[in-house]
């Protein structure tokens, strides 16, 4: 499928697939690390919390972009 025949959502998905996959892996690491290391210092625990919420924001932004680019909003 060429870029001319792809919908805007499909083009976005093609461009964002790998970055979102990397964000998902990084999110899992940031989320699981404090669970596996209960003696993690408070600053590091806070850092992992901020990183996790930042990734959630990135996923929410991706969702909003997909909705905005959708040709069939009712489908969403």
PDB file of N, CA and C in Angstrom:
ATOM      1  N   UNK A   1       0.846  -1.170   0.000  1.00  0.00           N
ATOM      2  CA  UNK A   1       0.000   0.000   0.000  1.00  0.00           C
ATOM      3  C   UNK A   1       0.895   1.237   0.000  1.00  0.00           C
ATOM      4  N   UNK A   2       0.621   2.144  -0.886  1.00  0.00           N
ATOM      5  CA  UNK A   2       1.431   3.357  -0.961  1.00  0.00           C
ATOM      6  C   UNK A   2       0.875   4.425  -0.027  1.00  0.00           C
ATOM      7  N   UNK A   3       1.669   5.452   0.169  1.00  0.00           N
ATOM      8  CA  UNK A   3       1.247   6.543   1.061  1.00  0.00           C
ATOM      9  C   UNK A   3       0.001   7.248   0.525  1.00  0.00           C
ATOM     10  N   UNK A   4      -0.189   7.214  -0.782  1.00  0.00           N
ATOM     11  CA  UNK A   4      -1.350   7.873  -1.385  1.00  0.00           C
ATOM     12  C   UNK A   4      -2.639   7.127  -1.071  1.00  0.00           C
ATOM     13  N   UNK A   5      -2.578   5.808  -0.922  1.00  0.00           N
ATOM     14  CA  UNK A   5      -3.793   5.030  -0.679  1.00  0.00           C
ATOM     15  C   UNK A   5      -4.030   4.763   0.802  1.00  0.00           C
ATOM     16  N   UNK A   6      -3.074   5.075   1.619  1.00  0.00           N
ATOM     17  CA  UNK A   6      -3.218   4.856   3.056  1.00  0.00           C
ATOM     18  C   UNK A   6      -3.994   6.018   3.678  1.00  0.00           C
ATOM     19  N   UNK A   7      -4.830   5.685   4.665  1.00  0.00           N
ATOM     20  CA  UNK A   7      -5.531   6.745   5.387  1.00  0.00           C
ATOM     21  C   UNK A   7      -4.544   7.472   6.293  1.00  0.00           C
ATOM     22  N   UNK A   8      -4.978   8.605   6.800  1.00  0.00           N
ATOM     23  CA  UNK A   8      -4.107   9.380   7.697  1.00  0.00           C
ATOM     24  C   UNK A   8      -3.799   8.589   8.967  1.00  0.00           C
ATOM     25  N   UNK A   9      -4.778   7.845   9.463  1.00  0.00           N
ATOM     26  CA  UNK A   9      -4.546   7.032  10.664  1.00  0.00           C
ATOM     27  C   UNK A   9      -3.522   5.947  10.368  1.00  0.00           C
ATOM     28  N   UNK A  10      -3.640   5.307   9.211  1.00  0.00           N
ATOM     29  CA  UNK A  10      -2.675   4.255   8.846  1.00  0.00           C
ATOM     30  C   UNK A  10      -1.269   4.831   8.699  1.00  0.00           C
ATOM     31  N   UNK A  11      -1.165   6.023   8.141  1.00  0.00           N
ATOM     32  CA  UNK A  11       0.151   6.663   8.026  1.00  0.00           C
ATOM     33  C   UNK A  11       0.725   6.956   9.412  1.00  0.00           C
ATOM     34  N   UNK A  12      -0.114   7.453  10.316  1.00  0.00           N
ATOM     35  CA  UNK A  12       0.327   7.730  11.686  1.00  0.00           C
ATOM     36  C   UNK A  12       0.768   6.434  12.367  1.00  0.00           C
ATOM     37  N   UNK A  13      -0.026   5.380  12.212  1.00  0.00           N
ATOM     38  CA  UNK A  13       0.310   4.098  12.835  1.00  0.00           C
ATOM     39  C   UNK A  13       1.639   3.572  12.323  1.00  0.00           C
ATOM     40  N   UNK A  14       1.879   3.729  11.036  1.00  0.00           N
ATOM     41  CA  UNK A  14       3.145   3.257  10.458  1.00  0.00           C
ATOM     42  C   UNK A  14       4.327   4.024  11.049  1.00  0.00           C
ATOM     43  N   UNK A  15       4.162   5.361  11.210  1.00  0.00           N
ATOM     44  CA  UNK A  15       5.258   6.182  11.750  1.00  0.00           C
ATOM     45  C   UNK A  15       5.450   5.984  13.248  1.00  0.00           C
ATOM     46  N   UNK A  16       4.379   5.703  13.980  1.00  0.00           N
ATOM     47  CA  UNK A  16       4.474   5.657  15.443  1.00  0.00           C
ATOM     48  C   UNK A  16       4.610   4.254  16.023  1.00  0.00           C
ATOM     49  N   UNK A  17       4.552   3.236  15.184  1.00  0.00           N
ATOM     50  CA  UNK A  17       4.571   1.865  15.690  1.00  0.00           C
ATOM     51  C   UNK A  17       5.824   1.540  16.505  1.00  0.00           C
ATOM     52  N   UNK A  18       6.982   1.784  15.945  1.00  0.00           N
ATOM     53  CA  UNK A  18       8.233   1.449  16.640  1.00  0.00           C
ATOM     54  C   UNK A  18       8.450   2.334  17.875  1.00  0.00           C
ATOM     55  N   UNK A  19       8.274   3.665  17.764  1.00  0.00           N
ATOM     56  CA  UNK A  19       8.436   4.475  18.978  1.00  0.00           C
ATOM     57  C   UNK A  19       7.482   4.057  20.103  1.00  0.00           C
ATOM     58  N   UNK A  20       6.239   3.725  19.777  1.00  0.00           N
ATOM     59  CA  UNK A  20       5.294   3.304  20.813  1.00  0.00           C
ATOM     60  C   UNK A  20       5.691   1.951  21.410  1.00  0.00           C
ATOM     61  N   UNK A  21       6.228   1.079  20.585  1.00  0.00           N
ATOM     62  CA  UNK A  21       6.708  -0.208  21.102  1.00  0.00           C
ATOM     63  C   UNK A  21       7.861   0.008  22.076  1.00  0.00           C
ATOM     64  N   UNK A  22       8.772   0.904  21.731  1.00  0.00           N
ATOM     65  CA  UNK A  22       9.894   1.207  22.628  1.00  0.00           C
ATOM     66  C   UNK A  22       9.407   1.867  23.918  1.00  0.00           C
ATOM     67  N   UNK A  23       8.410   2.754  23.796  1.00  0.00           N
ATOM     68  CA  UNK A  23       7.825   3.370  24.993  1.00  0.00           C
ATOM     69  C   UNK A  23       7.169   2.316  25.883  1.00  0.00           C
ATOM     70  N   UNK A  24       6.516   1.350  25.276  1.00  0.00           N
ATOM     71  CA  UNK A  24       5.855   0.301  26.054  1.00  0.00           C
ATOM     72  C   UNK A  24       6.878  -0.514  26.839  1.00  0.00           C
ATOM     73  N   UNK A  25       7.995  -0.846  26.210  1.00  0.00           N
ATOM     74  CA  UNK A  25       9.046  -1.606  26.902  1.00  0.00           C
ATOM     75  C   UNK A  25       9.642  -0.764  28.025  1.00  0.00           C
ATOM     76  N   UNK A  26       9.910   0.508  27.745  1.00  0.00           N
ATOM     77  CA  UNK A  26      10.463   1.395  28.771  1.00  0.00           C
ATOM     78  C   UNK A  26       9.466   1.584  29.915  1.00  0.00           C
ATOM     79  N   UNK A  27       8.183   1.664  29.589  1.00  0.00           N
ATOM     80  CA  UNK A  27       7.156   1.784  30.631  1.00  0.00           C
ATOM     81  C   UNK A  27       7.180   0.564  31.548  1.00  0.00           C
ATOM     82  N   UNK A  28       7.256  -0.616  30.956  1.00  0.00           N
ATOM     83  CA  UNK A  28       7.284  -1.834  31.773  1.00  0.00           C
ATOM     84  C   UNK A  28       8.483  -1.845  32.719  1.00  0.00           C
ATOM     85  N   UNK A  29       9.619  -1.414  32.223  1.00  0.00           N
ATOM     86  CA  UNK A  29      10.810  -1.363  33.069  1.00  0.00           C
ATOM     87  C   UNK A  29      10.611  -0.359  34.204  1.00  0.00           C
ATOM     88  N   UNK A  30      10.113   0.833  33.872  1.00  0.00           N
ATOM     89  CA  UNK A  30       9.910   1.868  34.895  1.00  0.00           C
ATOM     90  C   UNK A  30       8.849   1.455  35.904  1.00  0.00           C
ATOM     91  N   UNK A  31       7.859   0.702  35.469  1.00  0.00           N
ATOM     92  CA  UNK A  31       6.782   0.281  36.366  1.00  0.00           C
ATOM     93  C   UNK A  31       7.207  -0.888  37.259  1.00  0.00           C
ATOM     94  N   UNK A  32       7.937  -1.836  36.681  1.00  0.00           N
ATOM     95  CA  UNK A  32       8.282  -3.063  37.405  1.00  0.00           C
ATOM     96  C   UNK A  32       9.478  -2.883  38.335  1.00  0.00           C
ATOM     97  N   UNK A  33      10.405  -2.037  37.980  1.00  0.00           N
ATOM     98  CA  UNK A  33      11.628  -1.877  38.772  1.00  0.00           C
ATOM     99  C   UNK A  33      11.333  -1.622  40.248  1.00  0.00           C
ATOM    100  N   UNK A  34      10.490  -0.645  40.590  1.00  0.00           N
ATOM    101  CA  UNK A  34      10.214  -0.422  42.023  1.00  0.00           C
ATOM    102  C   UNK A  34       9.524  -1.607  42.699  1.00  0.00           C
ATOM    103  N   UNK A  35       8.782  -2.382  41.938  1.00  0.00           N
ATOM    104  CA  UNK A  35       8.120  -3.562  42.503  1.00  0.00           C
ATOM    105  C   UNK A  35       9.152  -4.629  42.830  1.00  0.00           C
ATOM    106  N   UNK A  36      10.113  -4.823  41.929  1.00  0.00           N
ATOM    107  CA  UNK A  36      11.134  -5.850  42.131  1.00  0.00           C
ATOM    108  C   UNK A  36      12.207  -5.433  43.134  1.00  0.00           C
ATOM    109  N   UNK A  37      12.375  -4.137  43.316  1.00  0.00           N
ATOM    110  CA  UNK A  37      13.373  -3.633  44.255  1.00  0.00           C
ATOM    111  C   UNK A  37      12.673  -2.775  45.315  1.00  0.00           C
ATOM    112  N   UNK A  38      12.082  -3.421  46.332  1.00  0.00           N
ATOM    113  CA  UNK A  38      11.317  -2.672  47.330  1.00  0.00           C
ATOM    114  C   UNK A  38      12.175  -1.708  48.165  1.00  0.00           C
ATOM    115  N   UNK A  39      13.488  -1.881  48.176  1.00  0.00           N
ATOM    116  CA  UNK A  39      14.370  -1.001  48.946  1.00  0.00           C
ATOM    117  C   UNK A  39      14.930   0.137  48.095  1.00  0.00           C
ATOM    118  N   UNK A  40      14.297   0.392  46.963  1.00  0.00           N
ATOM    119  CA  UNK A  40      14.716   1.487  46.095  1.00  0.00           C
ATOM    120  C   UNK A  40      14.569   2.806  46.855  1.00  0.00           C
ATOM    121  N   UNK A  41      15.586   3.678  46.794  1.00  0.00           N
ATOM    122  CA  UNK A  41      15.488   4.962  47.501  1.00  0.00           C
ATOM    123  C   UNK A  41      14.281   5.773  47.028  1.00  0.00           C
ATOM    124  N   UNK A  42      13.799   6.627  47.892  1.00  0.00           N
ATOM    125  CA  UNK A  42      12.609   7.420  47.599  1.00  0.00           C
ATOM    126  C   UNK A  42      12.727   8.273  46.350  1.00  0.00           C
ATOM    127  N   UNK A  43      13.906   8.868  46.117  1.00  0.00           N
ATOM    128  CA  UNK A  43      14.097   9.692  44.919  1.00  0.00           C
ATOM    129  C   UNK A  43      13.973   8.859  43.648  1.00  0.00           C
ATOM    130  N   UNK A  44      14.578   7.688  43.667  1.00  0.00           N
ATOM    131  CA  UNK A  44      14.503   6.803  42.498  1.00  0.00           C
ATOM    132  C   UNK A  44      13.069   6.320  42.288  1.00  0.00           C
ATOM    133  N   UNK A  45      12.374   6.023  43.377  1.00  0.00           N
ATOM    134  CA  UNK A  45      10.976   5.585  43.286  1.00  0.00           C
ATOM    135  C   UNK A  45      10.112   6.706  42.689  1.00  0.00           C
ATOM    136  N   UNK A  46      10.364   7.934  43.115  1.00  0.00           N
ATOM    137  CA  UNK A  46       9.637   9.084  42.561  1.00  0.00           C
ATOM    138  C   UNK A  46       9.939   9.262  41.080  1.00  0.00           C
ATOM    139  N   UNK A  47      11.205   9.112  40.720  1.00  0.00           N
ATOM    140  CA  UNK A  47      11.603   9.229  39.316  1.00  0.00           C
ATOM    141  C   UNK A  47      10.860   8.206  38.461  1.00  0.00           C
ATOM    142  N   UNK A  48      10.803   6.957  38.930  1.00  0.00           N
ATOM    143  CA  UNK A  48      10.108   5.918  38.167  1.00  0.00           C
ATOM    144  C   UNK A  48       8.614   6.231  38.056  1.00  0.00           C
ATOM    145  N   UNK A  49       8.053   6.828  39.079  1.00  0.00           N
ATOM    146  CA  UNK A  49       6.646   7.228  39.024  1.00  0.00           C
ATOM    147  C   UNK A  49       6.405   8.307  37.987  1.00  0.00           C
ATOM    148  N   UNK A  50       7.271   9.304  37.967  1.00  0.00           N
ATOM    149  CA  UNK A  50       7.146  10.392  36.983  1.00  0.00           C
ATOM    150  C   UNK A  50       7.315   9.844  35.566  1.00  0.00           C
ATOM    151  N   UNK A  51       8.296   8.967  35.389  1.00  0.00           N
ATOM    152  CA  UNK A  51       8.522   8.370  34.067  1.00  0.00           C
ATOM    153  C   UNK A  51       7.292   7.569  33.633  1.00  0.00           C
ATOM    154  N   UNK A  52       6.721   6.790  34.529  1.00  0.00           N
ATOM    155  CA  UNK A  52       5.533   5.996  34.197  1.00  0.00           C
ATOM    156  C   UNK A  52       4.375   6.899  33.773  1.00  0.00           C
ATOM    157  N   UNK A  53       4.132   7.967  34.514  1.00  0.00           N
ATOM    158  CA  UNK A  53       3.032   8.877  34.162  1.00  0.00           C
ATOM    159  C   UNK A  53       3.318   9.620  32.867  1.00  0.00           C
ATOM    160  N   UNK A  54       4.578   9.902  32.575  1.00  0.00           N
ATOM    161  CA  UNK A  54       4.935  10.535  31.306  1.00  0.00           C
ATOM    162  C   UNK A  54       4.610   9.608  30.139  1.00  0.00           C
ATOM    163  N   UNK A  55       4.899   8.319  30.315  1.00  0.00           N
ATOM    164  CA  UNK A  55       4.573   7.363  29.265  1.00  0.00           C
ATOM    165  C   UNK A  55       3.064   7.237  29.090  1.00  0.00           C
ATOM    166  N   UNK A  56       2.314   7.247  30.188  1.00  0.00           N
ATOM    167  CA  UNK A  56       0.851   7.218  30.082  1.00  0.00           C
ATOM    168  C   UNK A  56       0.372   8.413  29.277  1.00  0.00           C
ATOM    169  N   UNK A  57       0.963   9.582  29.511  1.00  0.00           N
ATOM    170  CA  UNK A  57       0.583  10.786  28.766  1.00  0.00           C
ATOM    171  C   UNK A  57       0.892  10.621  27.274  1.00  0.00           C
ATOM    172  N   UNK A  58       2.019   9.998  26.958  1.00  0.00           N
ATOM    173  CA  UNK A  58       2.373   9.759  25.553  1.00  0.00           C
ATOM    174  C   UNK A  58       1.369   8.816  24.897  1.00  0.00           C
ATOM    175  N   UNK A  59       0.944   7.783  25.613  1.00  0.00           N
ATOM    176  CA  UNK A  59      -0.046   6.858  25.060  1.00  0.00           C
ATOM    177  C   UNK A  59      -1.396   7.552  24.878  1.00  0.00           C
ATOM    178  N   UNK A  60      -1.772   8.412  25.809  1.00  0.00           N
ATOM    179  CA  UNK A  60      -3.024   9.163  25.688  1.00  0.00           C
ATOM    180  C   UNK A  60      -2.951  10.132  24.500  1.00  0.00           C
ATOM    181  N   UNK A  61      -1.802  10.756  24.306  1.00  0.00           N
ATOM    182  CA  UNK A  61      -1.615  11.650  23.166  1.00  0.00           C
ATOM    183  C   UNK A  61      -1.745  10.874  21.857  1.00  0.00           C
ATOM    184  N   UNK A  62      -1.144   9.700  21.786  1.00  0.00           N
ATOM    185  CA  UNK A  62      -1.271   8.862  20.595  1.00  0.00           C
ATOM    186  C   UNK A  62      -2.737   8.535  20.329  1.00  0.00           C
ATOM    187  N   UNK A  63      -3.480   8.189  21.356  1.00  0.00           N
ATOM    188  CA  UNK A  63      -4.900   7.874  21.211  1.00  0.00           C
ATOM    189  C   UNK A  63      -5.669   9.089  20.684  1.00  0.00           C
ATOM    190  N   UNK A  64      -5.376  10.266  21.234  1.00  0.00           N
ATOM    191  CA  UNK A  64      -6.047  11.489  20.795  1.00  0.00           C
ATOM    192  C   UNK A  64      -5.712  11.803  19.333  1.00  0.00           C
ATOM    193  N   UNK A  65      -4.471  11.587  18.946  1.00  0.00           N
ATOM    194  CA  UNK A  65      -4.074  11.830  17.552  1.00  0.00           C
ATOM    195  C   UNK A  65      -4.804  10.869  16.628  1.00  0.00           C
ATOM    196  N   UNK A  66      -4.916   9.604  17.021  1.00  0.00           N
ATOM    197  CA  UNK A  66      -5.635   8.636  16.188  1.00  0.00           C
ATOM    198  C   UNK A  66      -7.097   9.034  16.015  1.00  0.00           C
ATOM    199  N   UNK A  67      -7.708   9.522  17.072  1.00  0.00           N
ATOM    200  CA  UNK A  67      -9.100   9.970  16.968  1.00  0.00           C
ATOM    201  C   UNK A  67      -9.196  11.190  16.051  1.00  0.00           C
ATOM    202  N   UNK A  68      -8.286  12.133  16.216  1.00  0.00           N
ATOM    203  CA  UNK A  68      -8.311  13.354  15.410  1.00  0.00           C
ATOM    204  C   UNK A  68      -8.090  13.053  13.924  1.00  0.00           C
ATOM    205  N   UNK A  69      -7.272  12.063  13.614  1.00  0.00           N
ATOM    206  CA  UNK A  69      -6.970  11.734  12.220  1.00  0.00           C
ATOM    207  C   UNK A  69      -8.000  10.798  11.597  1.00  0.00           C
ATOM    208  N   UNK A  70      -8.861  10.242  12.396  1.00  0.00           N
ATOM    209  CA  UNK A  70      -9.819   9.260  11.892  1.00  0.00           C
ATOM    210  C   UNK A  70     -10.800   9.892  10.909  1.00  0.00           C
ATOM    211  N   UNK A  71     -11.015   9.194   9.818  1.00  0.00           N
ATOM    212  CA  UNK A  71     -12.005   9.628   8.842  1.00  0.00           C
ATOM    213  C   UNK A  71     -13.410   9.228   9.291  1.00  0.00           C
ATOM    214  N   UNK A  72     -13.478   8.204  10.130  1.00  0.00           N
ATOM    215  CA  UNK A  72     -14.774   7.702  10.590  1.00  0.00           C
ATOM    216  C   UNK A  72     -14.850   7.880  12.102  1.00  0.00           C
ATOM    217  N   UNK A  73     -15.113   9.088  12.542  1.00  0.00           N
ATOM    218  CA  UNK A  73     -15.159   9.378  13.980  1.00  0.00           C
ATOM    219  C   UNK A  73     -16.221   8.557  14.708  1.00  0.00           C
ATOM    220  N   UNK A  74     -17.313   8.281  14.073  1.00  0.00           N
ATOM    221  CA  UNK A  74     -18.363   7.486  14.702  1.00  0.00           C
ATOM    222  C   UNK A  74     -17.872   6.071  15.002  1.00  0.00           C
ATOM    223  N   UNK A  75     -16.949   5.589  14.187  1.00  0.00           N
ATOM    224  CA  UNK A  75     -16.380   4.261  14.399  1.00  0.00           C
ATOM    225  C   UNK A  75     -15.616   4.208  15.719  1.00  0.00           C
ATOM    226  N   UNK A  76     -14.965   5.312  16.057  1.00  0.00           N
ATOM    227  CA  UNK A  76     -14.194   5.376  17.301  1.00  0.00           C
ATOM    228  C   UNK A  76     -15.157   5.452  18.448  1.00  0.00           C
TER     229      UNK A  76
END
